[in-house]
Amino acid sequence: MIGNLKPLEILLIVAVIFLLFGAKKLPDMARSLGKSARILKSEAKAMKKEGEAEDAATAASVADPAPQQQATAPRTIQASPGDVTSARPVNEPNHTTQG
């Protein structure tokens, strides 16, 4: 659908958005969108690393059935580098099995 828009139509849409939100709010909205994208990207990387670590731990536990305990510090998520006001601890479930 976007491929069907002509340059004049795109310009008209941008002008309407500019009028609705105003020149002052647009940079703030873009900045918050950028922060959200960074947080999403970092969380996706963290989930991928956790998945790879769990796969490696599963492979190691199949080869060596002895339980492996690791002491890790709690992780903290920050909205942007240096932003300590919005930092919050991550509540992670404890993945220990009892048998």
PDB file of N, CA and C in Angstrom:
ATOM      1  N   MET A   1       0.817  -1.186   0.000  1.00  0.00           N
ATOM      2  CA  MET A   1       0.000   0.000   0.000  1.00  0.00           C
ATOM      3  C   MET A   1       0.864   1.253   0.000  1.00  0.00           C
ATOM      4  N   ILE A   2       1.977   1.233   0.704  1.00  0.00           N
ATOM      5  CA  ILE A   2       2.842   2.405   0.745  1.00  0.00           C
ATOM      6  C   ILE A   2       3.468   2.640  -0.623  1.00  0.00           C
ATOM      7  N   GLY A   3       3.722   1.580  -1.356  1.00  0.00           N
ATOM      8  CA  GLY A   3       4.298   1.714  -2.685  1.00  0.00           C
ATOM      9  C   GLY A   3       3.383   2.442  -3.652  1.00  0.00           C
ATOM     10  N   ASN A   4       2.089   2.493  -3.367  1.00  0.00           N
ATOM     11  CA  ASN A   4       1.133   3.157  -4.242  1.00  0.00           C
ATOM     12  C   ASN A   4       1.008   4.651  -3.967  1.00  0.00           C
ATOM     13  N   LEU A   5       1.633   5.153  -2.888  1.00  0.00           N
ATOM     14  CA  LEU A   5       1.529   6.564  -2.556  1.00  0.00           C
ATOM     15  C   LEU A   5       2.440   7.396  -3.450  1.00  0.00           C
ATOM     16  N   LYS A   6       1.933   8.532  -3.879  1.00  0.00           N
ATOM     17  CA  LYS A   6       2.712   9.454  -4.695  1.00  0.00           C
ATOM     18  C   LYS A   6       3.419  10.435  -3.770  1.00  0.00           C
ATOM     19  N   PRO A   7       4.472  11.092  -4.236  1.00  0.00           N
ATOM     20  CA  PRO A   7       5.214  12.027  -3.370  1.00  0.00           C
ATOM     21  C   PRO A   7       4.332  13.144  -2.784  1.00  0.00           C
ATOM     22  N   LEU A   8       3.382  13.625  -3.543  1.00  0.00           N
ATOM     23  CA  LEU A   8       2.508  14.677  -3.033  1.00  0.00           C
ATOM     24  C   LEU A   8       1.643  14.164  -1.883  1.00  0.00           C
ATOM     25  N   GLU A   9       1.179  12.923  -1.974  1.00  0.00           N
ATOM     26  CA  GLU A   9       0.373  12.337  -0.910  1.00  0.00           C
ATOM     27  C   GLU A   9       1.197  12.135   0.359  1.00  0.00           C
ATOM     28  N   ILE A  10       2.436  11.713   0.200  1.00  0.00           N
ATOM     29  CA  ILE A  10       3.317  11.533   1.352  1.00  0.00           C
ATOM     30  C   ILE A  10       3.574  12.879   2.011  1.00  0.00           C
ATOM     31  N   LEU A  11       3.817  13.910   1.217  1.00  0.00           N
ATOM     32  CA  LEU A  11       4.038  15.251   1.753  1.00  0.00           C
ATOM     33  C   LEU A  11       2.814  15.755   2.506  1.00  0.00           C
ATOM     34  N   LEU A  12       1.637  15.474   1.974  1.00  0.00           N
ATOM     35  CA  LEU A  12       0.391  15.881   2.635  1.00  0.00           C
ATOM     36  C   LEU A  12       0.233  15.164   3.987  1.00  0.00           C
ATOM     37  N   ILE A  13       0.552  13.883   4.043  1.00  0.00           N
ATOM     38  CA  ILE A  13       0.463  13.125   5.292  1.00  0.00           C
ATOM     39  C   ILE A  13       1.441  13.681   6.321  1.00  0.00           C
ATOM     40  N   VAL A  14       2.662  13.979   5.901  1.00  0.00           N
ATOM     41  CA  VAL A  14       3.663  14.552   6.804  1.00  0.00           C
ATOM     42  C   VAL A  14       3.201  15.907   7.320  1.00  0.00           C
ATOM     43  N   ALA A  15       2.609  16.724   6.465  1.00  0.00           N
ATOM     44  CA  ALA A  15       2.119  18.042   6.874  1.00  0.00           C
ATOM     45  C   ALA A  15       0.996  17.914   7.901  1.00  0.00           C
ATOM     46  N   VAL A  16       0.089  16.956   7.714  1.00  0.00           N
ATOM     47  CA  VAL A  16      -1.005  16.752   8.664  1.00  0.00           C
ATOM     48  C   VAL A  16      -0.450  16.298  10.014  1.00  0.00           C
ATOM     49  N   ILE A  17       0.506  15.391  10.008  1.00  0.00           N
ATOM     50  CA  ILE A  17       1.130  14.939  11.257  1.00  0.00           C
ATOM     51  C   ILE A  17       1.817  16.107  11.953  1.00  0.00           C
ATOM     52  N   PHE A  18       2.509  16.926  11.173  1.00  0.00           N
ATOM     53  CA  PHE A  18       3.200  18.095  11.725  1.00  0.00           C
ATOM     54  C   PHE A  18       2.209  19.062  12.364  1.00  0.00           C
ATOM     55  N   LEU A  19       1.071  19.261  11.734  1.00  0.00           N
ATOM     56  CA  LEU A  19       0.058  20.162  12.285  1.00  0.00           C
ATOM     57  C   LEU A  19      -0.609  19.582  13.529  1.00  0.00           C
ATOM     58  N   LEU A  20      -0.837  18.275  13.533  1.00  0.00           N
ATOM     59  CA  LEU A  20      -1.500  17.649  14.673  1.00  0.00           C
ATOM     60  C   LEU A  20      -0.629  17.652  15.926  1.00  0.00           C
ATOM     61  N   PHE A  21       0.628  17.299  15.775  1.00  0.00           N
ATOM     62  CA  PHE A  21       1.488  17.131  16.944  1.00  0.00           C
ATOM     63  C   PHE A  21       2.335  18.355  17.247  1.00  0.00           C
ATOM     64  N   GLY A  22       2.552  19.210  16.297  1.00  0.00           N
ATOM     65  CA  GLY A  22       3.339  20.413  16.528  1.00  0.00           C
ATOM     66  C   GLY A  22       4.827  20.163  16.418  1.00  0.00           C
ATOM     67  N   ALA A  23       5.556  21.216  16.162  1.00  0.00           N
ATOM     68  CA  ALA A  23       7.001  21.112  15.953  1.00  0.00           C
ATOM     69  C   ALA A  23       7.741  20.763  17.234  1.00  0.00           C
ATOM     70  N   LYS A  24       7.196  21.138  18.381  1.00  0.00           N
ATOM     71  CA  LYS A  24       7.897  20.891  19.643  1.00  0.00           C
ATOM     72  C   LYS A  24       7.821  19.430  20.075  1.00  0.00           C
ATOM     73  N   LYS A  25       6.723  18.758  19.832  1.00  0.00           N
ATOM     74  CA  LYS A  25       6.554  17.386  20.307  1.00  0.00           C
ATOM     75  C   LYS A  25       7.187  16.343  19.388  1.00  0.00           C
ATOM     76  N   LEU A  26       7.375  16.648  18.131  1.00  0.00           N
ATOM     77  CA  LEU A  26       7.908  15.654  17.197  1.00  0.00           C
ATOM     78  C   LEU A  26       9.314  15.166  17.570  1.00  0.00           C
ATOM     79  N   PRO A  27      10.271  16.044  17.923  1.00  0.00           N
ATOM     80  CA  PRO A  27      11.590  15.527  18.330  1.00  0.00           C
ATOM     81  C   PRO A  27      11.525  14.663  19.585  1.00  0.00           C
ATOM     82  N   ASP A  28      10.674  15.038  20.531  1.00  0.00           N
ATOM     83  CA  ASP A  28      10.532  14.225  21.746  1.00  0.00           C
ATOM     84  C   ASP A  28       9.956  12.857  21.417  1.00  0.00           C
ATOM     85  N   MET A  29       8.985  12.816  20.513  1.00  0.00           N
ATOM     86  CA  MET A  29       8.396  11.538  20.121  1.00  0.00           C
ATOM     87  C   MET A  29       9.430  10.674  19.408  1.00  0.00           C
ATOM     88  N   ALA A  30      10.242  11.279  18.543  1.00  0.00           N
ATOM     89  CA  ALA A  30      11.279  10.527  17.835  1.00  0.00           C
ATOM     90  C   ALA A  30      12.323  10.002  18.810  1.00  0.00           C
ATOM     91  N   ARG A  31      12.673  10.810  19.811  1.00  0.00           N
ATOM     92  CA  ARG A  31      13.659  10.394  20.809  1.00  0.00           C
ATOM     93  C   ARG A  31      13.144   9.207  21.628  1.00  0.00           C
ATOM     94  N   SER A  32      11.879   9.273  22.046  1.00  0.00           N
ATOM     95  CA  SER A  32      11.330   8.169  22.837  1.00  0.00           C
ATOM     96  C   SER A  32      11.178   6.915  21.989  1.00  0.00           C
ATOM     97  N   LEU A  33      10.879   7.090  20.706  1.00  0.00           N
ATOM     98  CA  LEU A  33      10.805   5.936  19.803  1.00  0.00           C
ATOM     99  C   LEU A  33      12.179   5.284  19.655  1.00  0.00           C
ATOM    100  N   GLY A  34      13.222   6.110  19.575  1.00  0.00           N
ATOM    101  CA  GLY A  34      14.587   5.589  19.485  1.00  0.00           C
ATOM    102  C   GLY A  34      14.989   4.827  20.740  1.00  0.00           C
ATOM    103  N   LYS A  35      14.629   5.360  21.917  1.00  0.00           N
ATOM    104  CA  LYS A  35      14.921   4.659  23.169  1.00  0.00           C
ATOM    105  C   LYS A  35      14.217   3.320  23.215  1.00  0.00           C
ATOM    106  N   SER A  36      12.958   3.308  22.806  1.00  0.00           N
ATOM    107  CA  SER A  36      12.195   2.057  22.807  1.00  0.00           C
ATOM    108  C   SER A  36      12.821   1.032  21.869  1.00  0.00           C
ATOM    109  N   ALA A  37      13.272   1.486  20.718  1.00  0.00           N
ATOM    110  CA  ALA A  37      13.907   0.568  19.762  1.00  0.00           C
ATOM    111  C   ALA A  37      15.205   0.011  20.334  1.00  0.00           C
ATOM    112  N   ARG A  38      15.997   0.853  21.028  1.00  0.00           N
ATOM    113  CA  ARG A  38      17.232   0.373  21.647  1.00  0.00           C
ATOM    114  C   ARG A  38      16.967  -0.657  22.725  1.00  0.00           C
ATOM    115  N   ILE A  39      15.952  -0.402  23.550  1.00  0.00           N
ATOM    116  CA  ILE A  39      15.601  -1.347  24.614  1.00  0.00           C
ATOM    117  C   ILE A  39      15.160  -2.668  24.016  1.00  0.00           C
ATOM    118  N   LEU A  40      14.325  -2.601  22.986  1.00  0.00           N
ATOM    119  CA  LEU A  40      13.853  -3.822  22.329  1.00  0.00           C
ATOM    120  C   LEU A  40      15.020  -4.610  21.746  1.00  0.00           C
ATOM    121  N   LYS A  41      15.950  -3.911  21.112  1.00  0.00           N
ATOM    122  CA  LYS A  41      17.100  -4.579  20.512  1.00  0.00           C
ATOM    123  C   LYS A  41      17.976  -5.244  21.581  1.00  0.00           C
ATOM    124  N   SER A  42      18.213  -4.534  22.689  1.00  0.00           N
ATOM    125  CA  SER A  42      19.056  -5.117  23.736  1.00  0.00           C
ATOM    126  C   SER A  42      18.369  -6.307  24.394  1.00  0.00           C
ATOM    127  N   GLU A  43      17.059  -6.228  24.584  1.00  0.00           N
ATOM    128  CA  GLU A  43      16.329  -7.359  25.164  1.00  0.00           C
ATOM    129  C   GLU A  43      16.335  -8.559  24.226  1.00  0.00           C
ATOM    130  N   ALA A  44      16.213  -8.314  22.929  1.00  0.00           N
ATOM    131  CA  ALA A  44      16.252  -9.420  21.970  1.00  0.00           C
ATOM    132  C   ALA A  44      17.620 -10.103  21.995  1.00  0.00           C
ATOM    133  N   LYS A  45      18.691  -9.304  22.077  1.00  0.00           N
ATOM    134  CA  LYS A  45      20.040  -9.886  22.168  1.00  0.00           C
ATOM    135  C   LYS A  45      20.203 -10.690  23.449  1.00  0.00           C
ATOM    136  N   ALA A  46      19.677 -10.163  24.566  1.00  0.00           N
ATOM    137  CA  ALA A  46      19.790 -10.867  25.845  1.00  0.00           C
ATOM    138  C   ALA A  46      19.032 -12.184  25.811  1.00  0.00           C
ATOM    139  N   MET A  47      17.847 -12.173  25.209  1.00  0.00           N
ATOM    140  CA  MET A  47      17.073 -13.408  25.112  1.00  0.00           C
ATOM    141  C   MET A  47      17.787 -14.425  24.236  1.00  0.00           C
ATOM    142  N   LYS A  48      18.418 -13.957  23.169  1.00  0.00           N
ATOM    143  CA  LYS A  48      19.154 -14.868  22.285  1.00  0.00           C
ATOM    144  C   LYS A  48      20.346 -15.486  23.022  1.00  0.00           C
ATOM    145  N   LYS A  49      21.073 -14.643  23.793  1.00  0.00           N
ATOM    146  CA  LYS A  49      22.210 -15.161  24.563  1.00  0.00           C
ATOM    147  C   LYS A  49      21.755 -16.158  25.617  1.00  0.00           C
ATOM    148  N   GLU A  50      20.621 -15.872  26.282  1.00  0.00           N
ATOM    149  CA  GLU A  50      20.091 -16.796  27.284  1.00  0.00           C
ATOM    150  C   GLU A  50      19.701 -18.121  26.642  1.00  0.00           C
ATOM    151  N   GLY A  51      19.106 -18.052  25.477  1.00  0.00           N
ATOM    152  CA  GLY A  51      18.721 -19.271  24.771  1.00  0.00           C
ATOM    153  C   GLY A  51      19.929 -20.104  24.393  1.00  0.00           C
ATOM    154  N   GLU A  52      20.979 -19.429  23.921  1.00  0.00           N
ATOM    155  CA  GLU A  52      22.204 -20.146  23.574  1.00  0.00           C
ATOM    156  C   GLU A  52      22.850 -20.742  24.821  1.00  0.00           C
ATOM    157  N   ALA A  53      22.827 -20.020  25.930  1.00  0.00           N
ATOM    158  CA  ALA A  53      23.410 -20.520  27.172  1.00  0.00           C
ATOM    159  C   ALA A  53      22.619 -21.717  27.692  1.00  0.00           C
ATOM    160  N   GLU A  54      21.284 -21.642  27.583  1.00  0.00           N
ATOM    161  CA  GLU A  54      20.458 -22.769  28.029  1.00  0.00           C
ATOM    162  C   GLU A  54      20.683 -23.994  27.142  1.00  0.00           C
ATOM    163  N   ASP A  55      20.847 -23.763  25.832  1.00  0.00           N
ATOM    164  CA  ASP A  55      21.134 -24.883  24.940  1.00  0.00           C
ATOM    165  C   ASP A  55      22.475 -25.527  25.291  1.00  0.00           C
ATOM    166  N   ALA A  56      23.480 -24.703  25.596  1.00  0.00           N
ATOM    167  CA  ALA A  56      24.788 -25.230  25.968  1.00  0.00           C
ATOM    168  C   ALA A  56      24.710 -25.954  27.306  1.00  0.00           C
ATOM    169  N   ALA A  57      23.944 -25.415  28.247  1.00  0.00           N
ATOM    170  CA  ALA A  57      23.797 -26.056  29.550  1.00  0.00           C
ATOM    171  C   ALA A  57      23.057 -27.381  29.406  1.00  0.00           C
ATOM    172  N   THR A  58      22.054 -27.415  28.547  1.00  0.00           N
ATOM    173  CA  THR A  58      21.312 -28.650  28.313  1.00  0.00           C
ATOM    174  C   THR A  58      22.215 -29.700  27.683  1.00  0.00           C
ATOM    175  N   ALA A  59      23.022 -29.282  26.718  1.00  0.00           N
ATOM    176  CA  ALA A  59      23.952 -30.214  26.082  1.00  0.00           C
ATOM    177  C   ALA A  59      24.982 -30.709  27.085  1.00  0.00           C
ATOM    178  N   ALA A  60      25.446 -29.823  27.973  1.00  0.00           N
ATOM    179  CA  ALA A  60      26.424 -30.221  28.980  1.00  0.00           C
ATOM    180  C   ALA A  60      25.795 -31.142  30.014  1.00  0.00           C
ATOM    181  N   SER A  61      24.529 -30.887  30.370  1.00  0.00           N
ATOM    182  CA  SER A  61      23.888 -31.735  31.370  1.00  0.00           C
ATOM    183  C   SER A  61      23.567 -33.113  30.810  1.00  0.00           C
ATOM    184  N   VAL A  62      23.366 -33.213  29.507  1.00  0.00           N
ATOM    185  CA  VAL A  62      23.141 -34.520  28.895  1.00  0.00           C
ATOM    186  C   VAL A  62      24.439 -35.308  28.909  1.00  0.00           C
ATOM    187  N   ALA A  63      25.569 -34.631  28.636  1.00  0.00           N
ATOM    188  CA  ALA A  63      26.866 -35.293  28.652  1.00  0.00           C
ATOM    189  C   ALA A  63      27.316 -35.597  30.078  1.00  0.00           C
ATOM    190  N   ASP A  64      27.051 -34.687  31.023  1.00  0.00           N
ATOM    191  CA  ASP A  64      27.441 -34.848  32.423  1.00  0.00           C
ATOM    192  C   ASP A  64      26.196 -34.588  33.272  1.00  0.00           C
ATOM    193  N   PRO A  65      25.532 -35.628  33.787  1.00  0.00           N
ATOM    194  CA  PRO A  65      24.269 -35.424  34.494  1.00  0.00           C
ATOM    195  C   PRO A  65      24.393 -34.742  35.854  1.00  0.00           C
ATOM    196  N   ALA A  66      25.600 -34.402  36.321  1.00  0.00           N
ATOM    197  CA  ALA A  66      25.759 -33.710  37.606  1.00  0.00           C
ATOM    198  C   ALA A  66      25.193 -32.296  37.493  1.00  0.00           C
ATOM    199  N   PRO A  67      24.450 -31.837  38.498  1.00  0.00           N
ATOM    200  CA  PRO A  67      23.875 -30.485  38.422  1.00  0.00           C
ATOM    201  C   PRO A  67      24.960 -29.419  38.495  1.00  0.00           C
ATOM    202  N   GLN A  68      24.751 -28.348  37.737  1.00  0.00           N
ATOM    203  CA  GLN A  68      25.705 -27.255  37.714  1.00  0.00           C
ATOM    204  C   GLN A  68      25.039 -26.019  38.299  1.00  0.00           C
ATOM    205  N   GLN A  69      25.640 -25.472  39.334  1.00  0.00           N
ATOM    206  CA  GLN A  69      25.119 -24.271  39.973  1.00  0.00           C
ATOM    207  C   GLN A  69      26.027 -23.105  39.621  1.00  0.00           C
ATOM    208  N   GLN A  70      25.419 -22.003  39.194  1.00  0.00           N
ATOM    209  CA  GLN A  70      26.180 -20.809  38.886  1.00  0.00           C
ATOM    210  C   GLN A  70      25.595 -19.650  39.671  1.00  0.00           C
ATOM    211  N   ALA A  71      26.468 -18.892  40.329  1.00  0.00           N
ATOM    212  CA  ALA A  71      26.023 -17.710  41.048  1.00  0.00           C
ATOM    213  C   ALA A  71      26.168 -16.512  40.118  1.00  0.00           C
ATOM    214  N   THR A  72      25.048 -15.874  39.799  1.00  0.00           N
ATOM    215  CA  THR A  72      25.097 -14.712  38.924  1.00  0.00           C
ATOM    216  C   THR A  72      24.477 -13.522  39.638  1.00  0.00           C
ATOM    217  N   ALA A  73      24.990 -12.366  39.328  1.00  0.00           N
ATOM    218  CA  ALA A  73      24.448 -11.133  39.893  1.00  0.00           C
ATOM    219  C   ALA A  73      23.156 -10.792  39.158  1.00  0.00           C
ATOM    220  N   PRO A  74      22.191 -10.173  39.829  1.00  0.00           N
ATOM    221  CA  PRO A  74      20.951  -9.803  39.149  1.00  0.00           C
ATOM    222  C   PRO A  74      21.230  -8.774  38.060  1.00  0.00           C
ATOM    223  N   ARG A  75      20.545  -8.937  36.939  1.00  0.00           N
ATOM    224  CA  ARG A  75      20.719  -8.017  35.820  1.00  0.00           C
ATOM    225  C   ARG A  75      19.870  -6.770  36.027  1.00  0.00           C
ATOM    226  N   THR A  76      20.300  -5.680  35.424  1.00  0.00           N
ATOM    227  CA  THR A  76      19.561  -4.429  35.487  1.00  0.00           C
ATOM    228  C   THR A  76      19.345  -3.917  34.077  1.00  0.00           C
ATOM    229  N   ILE A  77      18.123  -3.481  33.798  1.00  0.00           N
ATOM    230  CA  ILE A  77      17.798  -2.914  32.496  1.00  0.00           C
ATOM    231  C   ILE A  77      17.769  -1.402  32.638  1.00  0.00           C
ATOM    232  N   GLN A  78      18.428  -0.696  31.723  1.00  0.00           N
ATOM    233  CA  GLN A  78      18.405   0.757  31.727  1.00  0.00           C
ATOM    234  C   GLN A  78      17.775   1.241  30.433  1.00  0.00           C
ATOM    235  N   ALA A  79      17.044   2.340  30.508  1.00  0.00           N
ATOM    236  CA  ALA A  79      16.371   2.890  29.341  1.00  0.00           C
ATOM    237  C   ALA A  79      17.389   3.386  28.323  1.00  0.00           C
ATOM    238  N   SER A  80      18.441   4.002  28.762  1.00  0.00           N
ATOM    239  CA  SER A  80      19.497   4.464  27.868  1.00  0.00           C
ATOM    240  C   SER A  80      20.793   4.521  28.663  1.00  0.00           C
ATOM    241  N   PRO A  81      21.925   4.526  27.976  1.00  0.00           N
ATOM    242  CA  PRO A  81      23.194   4.555  28.697  1.00  0.00           C
ATOM    243  C   PRO A  81      23.284   5.764  29.616  1.00  0.00           C
ATOM    244  N   GLY A  82      23.612   5.523  30.870  1.00  0.00           N
ATOM    245  CA  GLY A  82      23.751   6.595  31.835  1.00  0.00           C
ATOM    246  C   GLY A  82      22.456   7.025  32.493  1.00  0.00           C
ATOM    247  N   ASP A  83      21.338   6.440  32.116  1.00  0.00           N
ATOM    248  CA  ASP A  83      20.044   6.814  32.684  1.00  0.00           C
ATOM    249  C   ASP A  83      19.773   5.923  33.884  1.00  0.00           C
ATOM    250  N   VAL A  84      20.122   6.403  35.079  1.00  0.00           N
ATOM    251  CA  VAL A  84      19.966   5.593  36.287  1.00  0.00           C
ATOM    252  C   VAL A  84      18.610   5.781  36.938  1.00  0.00           C
ATOM    253  N   THR A  85      17.857   6.782  36.530  1.00  0.00           N
ATOM    254  CA  THR A  85      16.557   7.016  37.161  1.00  0.00           C
ATOM    255  C   THR A  85      15.534   5.976  36.761  1.00  0.00           C
ATOM    256  N   SER A  86      15.684   5.411  35.561  1.00  0.00           N
ATOM    257  CA  SER A  86      14.705   4.424  35.122  1.00  0.00           C
ATOM    258  C   SER A  86      15.242   3.000  35.193  1.00  0.00           C
ATOM    259  N   ALA A  87      16.400   2.797  35.809  1.00  0.00           N
ATOM    260  CA  ALA A  87      16.965   1.457  35.935  1.00  0.00           C
ATOM    261  C   ALA A  87      16.101   0.639  36.886  1.00  0.00           C
ATOM    262  N   ARG A  88      15.898  -0.608  36.527  1.00  0.00           N
ATOM    263  CA  ARG A  88      15.092  -1.477  37.369  1.00  0.00           C
ATOM    264  C   ARG A  88      15.681  -2.878  37.328  1.00  0.00           C
ATOM    265  N   PRO A  89      15.600  -3.629  38.431  1.00  0.00           N
ATOM    266  CA  PRO A  89      16.126  -5.000  38.420  1.00  0.00           C
ATOM    267  C   PRO A  89      15.212  -5.913  37.619  1.00  0.00           C
ATOM    268  N   VAL A  90      15.797  -6.943  37.085  1.00  0.00           N
ATOM    269  CA  VAL A  90      15.044  -7.918  36.307  1.00  0.00           C
ATOM    270  C   VAL A  90      14.691  -9.083  37.209  1.00  0.00           C
ATOM    271  N   ASN A  91      13.435  -9.442  37.244  1.00  0.00           N
ATOM    272  CA  ASN A  91      13.015 -10.610  38.011  1.00  0.00           C
ATOM    273  C   ASN A  91      13.070 -11.814  37.099  1.00  0.00           C
ATOM    274  N   GLU A  92      14.027 -12.680  37.363  1.00  0.00           N
ATOM    275  CA  GLU A  92      14.193 -13.865  36.537  1.00  0.00           C
ATOM    276  C   GLU A  92      13.772 -15.086  37.338  1.00  0.00           C
ATOM    277  N   PRO A  93      13.059 -16.000  36.701  1.00  0.00           N
ATOM    278  CA  PRO A  93      12.672 -17.221  37.419  1.00  0.00           C
ATOM    279  C   PRO A  93      13.886 -18.091  37.695  1.00  0.00           C
ATOM    280  N   ASN A  94      13.829 -18.839  38.754  1.00  0.00           N
ATOM    281  CA  ASN A  94      14.897 -19.752  39.104  1.00  0.00           C
ATOM    282  C   ASN A  94      14.620 -21.069  38.402  1.00  0.00           C
ATOM    283  N   HIS A  95      15.532 -21.497  37.529  1.00  0.00           N
ATOM    284  CA  HIS A  95      15.329 -22.692  36.717  1.00  0.00           C
ATOM    285  C   HIS A  95      16.011 -23.909  37.332  1.00  0.00           C
ATOM    286  N   THR A  96      15.680 -24.241  38.554  1.00  0.00           N
ATOM    287  CA  THR A  96      16.252 -25.435  39.157  1.00  0.00           C
ATOM    288  C   THR A  96      15.197 -26.514  39.172  1.00  0.00           C
ATOM    289  N   THR A  97      15.612 -27.687  38.865  1.00  0.00           N
ATOM    290  CA  THR A  97      14.693 -28.821  38.876  1.00  0.00           C
ATOM    291  C   THR A  97      14.993 -29.684  40.085  1.00  0.00           C
ATOM    292  N   GLN A  98      13.965 -30.218  40.666  1.00  0.00           N
ATOM    293  CA  GLN A  98      14.154 -31.093  41.814  1.00  0.00           C
ATOM    294  C   GLN A  98      13.624 -32.471  41.447  1.00  0.00           C
ATOM    295  N   GLY A  99      14.363 -33.458  41.777  1.00  0.00           N
ATOM    296  CA  GLY A  99      13.947 -34.784  41.358  1.00  0.00           C
ATOM    297  C   GLY A  99      14.128 -35.833  42.357  1.00  0.00           C
TER     298      GLY A  99
END
